[in-house]
C-alpha atoms as a PDB file:
ATOM      1  CA  MET A   1       0.000   0.000   0.000  1.00  0.00           C
ATOM      2  CA  ASN A   2       1.404   3.347  -0.970  1.00  0.00           C
ATOM      3  CA  PRO A   3       0.937   6.554   1.087  1.00  0.00           C
ATOM      4  CA  PHE A   4      -1.537   7.971  -1.457  1.00  0.00           C
ATOM      5  CA  GLU A   5      -3.932   5.080  -0.817  1.00  0.00           C
ATOM      6  CA  ILE A   6      -3.618   5.531   2.935  1.00  0.00           C
ATOM      7  CA  ILE A   7      -4.370   9.272   2.726  1.00  0.00           C
ATOM      8  CA  ILE A   8      -7.410   8.737   0.485  1.00  0.00           C
ATOM      9  CA  GLY A   9      -8.618   5.923   2.761  1.00  0.00           C
ATOM     10  CA  ILE A  10      -8.411   8.167   5.820  1.00  0.00           C
ATOM     11  CA  LEU A  11     -10.229  10.959   3.958  1.00  0.00           C
ATOM     12  CA  ILE A  12     -12.988   8.540   2.948  1.00  0.00           C
ATOM     13  CA  ILE A  13     -13.478   7.385   6.552  1.00  0.00           C
ATOM     14  CA  VAL A  14     -13.523  10.971   7.867  1.00  0.00           C
ATOM     15  CA  LEU A  15     -15.996  12.064   5.176  1.00  0.00           C
ATOM     16  CA  ALA A  16     -18.244   9.079   5.925  1.00  0.00           C
ATOM     17  CA  VAL A  17     -18.397  10.047   9.596  1.00  0.00           C
ATOM     18  CA  VAL A  18     -18.965  13.739   8.803  1.00  0.00           C
ATOM     19  CA  LEU A  19     -21.733  12.909   6.305  1.00  0.00           C
ATOM     20  CA  THR A  20     -23.428  10.672   8.857  1.00  0.00           C
ATOM     21  CA  VAL A  21     -23.350  13.460  11.448  1.00  0.00           C
ATOM     22  CA  LEU A  22     -24.637  16.030   8.939  1.00  0.00           C
ATOM     23  CA  VAL A  23     -27.560  13.839   7.918  1.00  0.00           C
ATOM     24  CA  MET A  24     -28.449  13.189  11.555  1.00  0.00           C
ATOM     25  CA  MET A  25     -28.344  16.942  12.335  1.00  0.00           C
ATOM     26  CA  GLN A  26     -30.873  17.805   9.634  1.00  0.00           C
ATOM     27  CA  SER A  27     -34.510  18.064  10.567  1.00  0.00           C
ATOM     28  CA  GLY A  28     -36.891  15.954   8.554  1.00  0.00           C
ATOM     29  CA  LYS A  29     -39.287  17.361   6.001  1.00  0.00           C
ATOM     30  CA  ASP A  30     -42.256  16.089   8.007  1.00  0.00           C
ATOM     31  CA  LYS A  31     -41.199  18.076  11.108  1.00  0.00           C
ATOM     32  CA  LYS A  32     -42.824  21.221   9.764  1.00  0.00           C
ATOM     33  CA  LEU A  33     -46.123  19.474   9.153  1.00  0.00           C
ATOM     34  CA  SER A  34     -46.216  17.792  12.553  1.00  0.00           C
ATOM     35  CA  GLY A  35     -45.343  21.105  14.215  1.00  0.00           C
ATOM     36  CA  ALA A  36     -48.310  22.741  12.498  1.00  0.00           C
ATOM     37  CA  ILE A  37     -50.676  19.983  13.586  1.00  0.00           C
ATOM     38  CA  ALA A  38     -49.358  19.735  17.144  1.00  0.00           C
ATOM     39  CA  GLY A  39     -49.317  23.498  17.568  1.00  0.00           C
ATOM     40  CA  GLY A  40     -45.581  24.134  17.663  1.00  0.00           C
ATOM     41  CA  SER A  41     -44.607  27.213  19.660  1.00  0.00           C
ATOM     42  CA  ASP A  42     -41.826  28.461  17.393  1.00  0.00           C
ATOM     43  CA  SER A  43     -41.593  32.183  16.895  1.00  0.00           C
ATOM     44  CA  PHE A  44     -41.048  33.681  13.469  1.00  0.00           C
ATOM     45  CA  LEU A  45     -37.368  34.306  14.164  1.00  0.00           C
ATOM     46  CA  SER A  46     -36.628  30.769  15.319  1.00  0.00           C
ATOM     47  CA  LYS A  47     -38.416  29.320  12.270  1.00  0.00           C
ATOM     48  CA  ASN A  48     -36.335  31.507   9.967  1.00  0.00           C
ATOM     49  CA  LYS A  49     -33.093  30.598  11.744  1.00  0.00           C
ATOM     50  CA  SER A  50     -33.939  26.902  11.580  1.00  0.00           C
ATOM     51  CA  GLY A  51     -34.644  27.198   7.864  1.00  0.00           C
ATOM     52  CA  LYS A  52     -31.291  28.853   7.226  1.00  0.00           C
ATOM     53  CA  THR A  53     -29.483  26.172   9.232  1.00  0.00           C
ATOM     54  CA  ASP A  54     -31.288  23.379   7.393  1.00  0.00           C
ATOM     55  CA  ALA A  55     -30.517  24.993   4.040  1.00  0.00           C
ATOM     56  CA  MET A  56     -26.833  25.278   4.952  1.00  0.00           C
ATOM     57  CA  LEU A  57     -26.732  21.662   6.157  1.00  0.00           C
ATOM     58  CA  THR A  58     -28.441  20.502   2.961  1.00  0.00           C
ATOM     59  CA  LYS A  59     -25.924  22.315   0.748  1.00  0.00           C
ATOM     60  CA  LEU A  60     -22.972  21.095   2.822  1.00  0.00           C
ATOM     61  CA  THR A  61     -24.273  17.522   2.685  1.00  0.00           C
ATOM     62  CA  ALA A  62     -24.632  17.694  -1.095  1.00  0.00           C
ATOM     63  CA  ILE A  63     -21.134  19.094  -1.584  1.00  0.00           C
ATOM     64  CA  LEU A  64     -19.493  16.593   0.763  1.00  0.00           C
ATOM     65  CA  SER A  65     -21.369  13.674  -0.792  1.00  0.00           C
ATOM     66  CA  ILE A  66     -20.044  14.655  -4.229  1.00  0.00           C
ATOM     67  CA  VAL A  67     -16.504  14.884  -2.820  1.00  0.00           C
ATOM     68  CA  PHE A  68     -17.055  11.495  -1.154  1.00  0.00           C
ATOM     69  CA  ALA A  69     -18.189   9.907  -4.431  1.00  0.00           C
ATOM     70  CA  VAL A  70     -15.221  11.374  -6.326  1.00  0.00           C
ATOM     71  CA  LEU A  71     -12.811  10.056  -3.679  1.00  0.00           C
ATOM     72  CA  ILE A  72     -14.367   6.598  -3.941  1.00  0.00           C
ATOM     73  CA  ILE A  73     -13.886   6.640  -7.725  1.00  0.00           C
ATOM     74  CA  VAL A  74     -10.291   7.884  -7.382  1.00  0.00           C
ATOM     75  CA  MET A  75      -9.555   5.159  -4.827  1.00  0.00           C
ATOM     76  CA  TYR A  76     -11.046   2.529  -7.156  1.00  0.00           C
ATOM     77  CA  ILE A  77      -8.847   3.722 -10.035  1.00  0.00           C
ATOM     78  CA  VAL A  78      -5.709   3.863  -7.888  1.00  0.00           C
ATOM     79  CA  VAL A  79      -6.176   0.410  -6.371  1.00  0.00           C
ATOM     80  CA  SER A  80      -7.013  -1.365  -9.636  1.00  0.00           C
END
């Protein structure tokens, strides 16, 4: 195993953990509906802040998943 494979392998493991954490941090799409039915007590400002955080997490998850997929392909090419 050469050092390049080790570095890419470590990056893949780190990205997998980070992606898992990012997905777990996101609120589900059904949360908004259940909050409306259950009478959620969010103020306008907290709803807006939550939306911005979810939007940022969604974009970050998409970007990191693309980087993850590219690293997997690079690792496949390097190993074979």
